[in-house]
Amino acid sequence: MVFAVRQYGRWLRDNYADLEHKEIKVSLLVLTAFLLFLVLYAITEYGRVAAYLMQVDTLVVIGLLLWRVETLQVLSESPAPQAGKAEDAQRALPPKTVPTKIGVLLKKHCEDSQLYLQNDLTLAQLANAIGTNRTYLSQHFAQQGITYNAYINGLRIHHFVHLYEKAVADGRKFTAQQLAFESGFHSYSTFIATFKQSMGTTVTAWTHSKEK
């Protein structure tokens, strides 16, 4: 189960740039707590009151687990393109020619058009926007040594830096959270983690260094 959950987490990071409501950390924590309650209940002798409290705790954990299942967003694969359509000829390019072509298409349809500012943009949606399929797009990112998550969030961090510098130059009042949302991030916690990974420092430390 742990192995499958870890695989699922990697799949999420490869297909979604913003992992809010899709992260598996809470689910793993709930699973760990549930197993701990089960082990303690099985090997430890309790009085009647303590046993009732243990069962209540277990029910709470089960309720939280069920709530997580109900609130998780549906993550489904995009349907495979039907054969015979005109666009399939374009998508069925030889693998060796795909990376260069996809790089140009990403520049035009994602970077220049600022499609990355769409906070719910997925790998499948981006592939559709540039006229290819998710398999070729994933291969392109793999050959570049990055993931879809890193690509999109890297563009968003760059956009944040641009917005920050412009706001400072204009003397406009702003908050880092506001600029993060304007840069395409749906979750501020995701932005903080991505910023530190990309810039090698925290948002607070970076902004303070810019103010000096």
Protein backbone atom coordinates (compact mmCIF):
# COMPACT_ATOMS: atom_id res chain seq x y z
CA MET A 1 0.00 0.00 0.00
CA VAL A 2 2.81 2.40 0.90
CA PHE A 3 4.59 1.62 -2.36
CA ALA A 4 1.40 2.25 -4.35
CA VAL A 5 0.77 5.54 -2.53
CA ARG A 6 4.33 6.70 -3.26
CA GLN A 7 3.85 5.85 -6.93
CA TYR A 8 0.60 7.80 -6.90
CA GLY A 9 2.39 10.79 -5.37
CA ARG A 10 5.00 10.77 -8.13
CA TRP A 11 2.25 10.56 -10.74
CA LEU A 12 0.57 13.60 -9.22
CA ARG A 13 3.78 15.62 -9.31
CA ASP A 14 4.31 14.65 -12.95
CA ASN A 15 0.81 15.66 -14.03
CA TYR A 16 -0.28 18.50 -11.77
CA ALA A 17 1.57 21.72 -11.03
CA ASP A 18 -0.54 22.67 -8.01
CA LEU A 19 -1.10 19.79 -5.62
CA GLU A 20 -3.60 21.40 -3.27
CA HIS A 21 -6.33 18.89 -2.35
CA LYS A 22 -4.31 16.21 -4.14
CA GLU A 23 -1.42 15.74 -1.71
CA ILE A 24 -1.14 12.32 -0.10
CA LYS A 25 0.58 13.40 3.13
CA VAL A 26 -2.66 13.68 5.08
CA SER A 27 -3.80 10.30 3.78
CA LEU A 28 -0.51 8.71 4.90
CA LEU A 29 -0.82 10.37 8.30
CA VAL A 30 -4.37 9.07 8.69
CA LEU A 31 -3.29 5.58 7.67
CA THR A 32 -0.42 5.64 10.17
CA ALA A 33 -2.69 6.83 12.98
CA PHE A 34 -5.28 4.21 12.13
CA LEU A 35 -2.70 1.40 12.22
CA LEU A 36 -1.29 2.74 15.50
CA PHE A 37 -4.73 2.71 17.10
CA LEU A 38 -5.30 -0.80 15.83
CA VAL A 39 -2.00 -2.09 17.22
CA LEU A 40 -2.48 -0.41 20.60
CA TYR A 41 -6.02 -1.72 20.85
CA ALA A 42 -4.85 -5.24 20.03
CA ILE A 43 -1.84 -5.54 22.35
CA THR A 44 -2.72 -3.34 25.30
CA GLU A 45 -5.14 -4.04 28.13
CA TYR A 46 -7.38 -1.10 28.94
CA GLY A 47 -10.19 -0.46 31.34
CA ARG A 48 -13.70 -0.06 29.99
CA VAL A 49 -13.53 3.76 29.77
CA ALA A 50 -10.15 3.68 28.04
CA ALA A 51 -11.40 1.05 25.61
CA TYR A 52 -14.41 3.22 24.71
CA LEU A 53 -12.15 6.24 24.19
CA MET A 54 -9.90 4.18 21.94
CA GLN A 55 -12.88 3.13 19.85
CA VAL A 56 -14.08 6.74 19.60
CA ASP A 57 -10.61 7.79 18.44
CA THR A 58 -10.66 5.03 15.85
CA LEU A 59 -14.06 6.17 14.57
CA VAL A 60 -12.78 9.73 14.27
CA VAL A 61 -9.81 8.54 12.23
CA ILE A 62 -12.07 6.45 10.00
CA GLY A 63 -14.35 9.45 9.53
CA LEU A 64 -11.40 11.62 8.52
CA LEU A 65 -10.22 8.96 6.10
CA LEU A 66 -13.67 8.76 4.50
CA TRP A 67 -13.80 12.55 4.28
CA ARG A 68 -10.46 12.58 2.48
CA VAL A 69 -11.73 10.04 -0.04
CA GLU A 70 -14.87 12.07 -0.69
CA THR A 71 -13.04 15.40 -1.08
CA LEU A 72 -10.21 14.19 -3.31
CA GLN A 73 -10.56 15.51 -6.83
CA VAL A 74 -11.10 13.02 -9.61
CA LEU A 75 -7.80 12.42 -11.38
CA SER A 76 -8.52 10.67 -14.65
CA GLU A 77 -6.52 10.03 -17.75
CA SER A 78 -7.44 11.92 -20.89
CA PRO A 79 -9.22 9.71 -23.45
CA ALA A 80 -6.99 8.36 -26.17
CA PRO A 81 -7.34 10.19 -29.49
CA GLN A 82 -9.40 8.40 -32.11
CA ALA A 83 -7.64 7.17 -35.20
CA GLY A 84 -8.42 8.81 -38.49
CA LYS A 85 -8.59 12.40 -37.33
CA ALA A 86 -6.48 14.99 -39.06
CA GLU A 87 -4.76 16.13 -35.91
CA ASP A 88 -3.57 12.59 -35.18
CA ALA A 89 -1.12 12.88 -38.08
CA GLN A 90 0.46 15.83 -36.33
CA ARG A 91 0.51 14.09 -32.96
CA ALA A 92 1.98 10.88 -34.35
CA LEU A 93 5.33 12.44 -35.08
CA PRO A 94 8.48 10.31 -34.89
CA PRO A 95 9.84 10.44 -31.31
CA LYS A 96 13.16 11.92 -32.43
CA THR A 97 11.48 15.01 -33.88
CA VAL A 98 9.08 15.54 -30.99
CA PRO A 99 11.33 17.28 -28.40
CA THR A 100 12.41 20.14 -30.68
CA LYS A 101 8.92 20.71 -31.99
CA ILE A 102 7.38 20.56 -28.54
CA GLY A 103 9.91 23.06 -27.23
CA VAL A 104 8.85 25.56 -29.87
CA LEU A 105 5.17 24.90 -29.21
CA LEU A 106 5.62 25.35 -25.47
CA LYS A 107 7.35 28.65 -26.04
CA LYS A 108 4.52 29.89 -28.25
CA HIS A 109 1.41 28.45 -26.61
CA CYS A 110 2.43 28.31 -22.94
CA GLU A 111 5.22 30.78 -22.18
CA ASP A 112 4.46 33.64 -24.58
CA SER A 113 0.70 33.35 -24.10
CA GLN A 114 1.16 32.95 -20.31
CA LEU A 115 -1.03 29.86 -20.25
CA TYR A 116 0.82 28.82 -17.08
CA LEU A 117 -1.17 31.46 -15.18
CA GLN A 118 -4.17 29.10 -15.33
CA ASN A 119 -3.95 27.66 -11.83
CA ASP A 120 -5.71 24.38 -12.64
CA LEU A 121 -3.68 23.64 -15.77
CA THR A 122 -2.84 19.94 -16.08
CA LEU A 123 -0.40 18.03 -18.24
CA ALA A 124 -3.23 16.75 -20.44
CA GLN A 125 -4.65 20.25 -20.92
CA LEU A 126 -1.24 21.66 -21.82
CA ALA A 127 -0.65 18.83 -24.29
CA ASN A 128 -3.99 19.54 -25.93
CA ALA A 129 -3.23 23.28 -26.07
CA ILE A 130 0.02 22.77 -27.99
CA GLY A 131 -1.43 20.09 -30.29
CA THR A 132 0.32 16.97 -29.02
CA ASN A 133 -0.46 14.21 -26.54
CA ARG A 134 0.53 13.71 -22.92
CA THR A 135 2.93 10.86 -23.74
CA TYR A 136 5.11 12.94 -26.05
CA LEU A 137 4.93 15.90 -23.71
CA SER A 138 6.04 13.78 -20.75
CA GLN A 139 8.89 12.37 -22.86
CA HIS A 140 9.95 15.90 -23.75
CA PHE A 141 10.12 16.95 -20.09
CA ALA A 142 11.95 13.74 -19.19
CA GLN A 143 14.59 14.43 -21.85
CA GLN A 144 15.00 17.92 -20.40
CA GLY A 145 15.56 16.39 -16.96
CA ILE A 146 12.51 18.06 -15.43
CA THR A 147 8.89 17.27 -14.66
CA TYR A 148 5.72 19.01 -15.76
CA ASN A 149 5.36 20.27 -12.19
CA ALA A 150 8.85 21.84 -12.23
CA TYR A 151 8.32 23.38 -15.67
CA ILE A 152 5.02 25.11 -14.91
CA ASN A 153 5.94 26.24 -11.42
CA GLY A 154 9.30 27.51 -12.67
CA LEU A 155 7.46 29.79 -15.08
CA ARG A 156 5.18 30.93 -12.28
CA ILE A 157 8.11 31.75 -9.98
CA HIS A 158 9.70 33.77 -12.78
CA HIS A 159 6.40 35.59 -13.25
CA PHE A 160 6.20 36.27 -9.51
CA VAL A 161 9.68 37.83 -9.53
CA HIS A 162 8.65 40.02 -12.45
CA LEU A 163 5.45 41.13 -10.69
CA TYR A 164 7.34 41.81 -7.46
CA GLU A 165 9.98 43.97 -9.13
CA LYS A 166 7.33 45.87 -11.10
CA ALA A 167 5.20 46.47 -7.99
CA VAL A 168 8.22 47.77 -6.07
CA ALA A 169 9.22 50.05 -8.95
CA ASP A 170 5.67 51.42 -9.18
CA GLY A 171 5.44 51.91 -5.42
CA ARG A 172 2.31 49.76 -5.31
CA LYS A 173 1.19 48.10 -2.09
CA PHE A 174 1.04 44.33 -2.32
CA THR A 175 1.55 41.08 -0.46
CA ALA A 176 3.58 38.06 -1.51
CA GLN A 177 0.44 35.94 -1.32
CA GLN A 178 -1.42 38.26 -3.68
CA LEU A 179 1.40 38.16 -6.23
CA ALA A 180 1.64 34.38 -5.88
CA PHE A 181 -2.02 34.01 -6.79
CA GLU A 182 -1.58 36.41 -9.71
CA SER A 183 1.30 34.22 -10.88
CA GLY A 184 -0.91 31.15 -11.24
CA PHE A 185 -0.53 29.49 -7.85
CA HIS A 186 -3.76 28.27 -6.30
CA SER A 187 -2.12 27.33 -3.01
CA TYR A 188 0.19 29.67 -1.10
CA SER A 189 1.84 26.73 0.65
CA THR A 190 2.71 25.26 -2.75
CA PHE A 191 4.16 28.62 -3.77
CA ILE A 192 6.32 28.84 -0.63
CA ALA A 193 7.74 25.35 -1.13
CA THR A 194 8.30 25.89 -4.85
CA PHE A 195 9.95 29.28 -4.32
CA LYS A 196 12.43 27.89 -1.80
CA GLN A 197 13.27 24.96 -4.07
CA SER A 198 13.68 27.19 -7.11
CA MET A 199 15.42 30.20 -5.55
CA GLY A 200 17.35 28.46 -2.79
CA THR A 201 15.92 30.75 -0.10
CA THR A 202 12.63 31.56 1.56
CA VAL A 203 10.22 34.16 0.24
CA THR A 204 10.73 36.32 3.33
CA ALA A 205 14.52 36.23 3.10
CA TRP A 206 14.40 36.97 -0.64
CA THR A 207 12.07 39.94 -0.28
CA HIS A 208 14.16 41.35 2.58
CA SER A 209 17.29 41.09 0.46
CA LYS A 210 15.52 43.02 -2.30
CA GLU A 211 14.50 45.78 0.10
CA LYS A 212 18.09 46.49 1.15
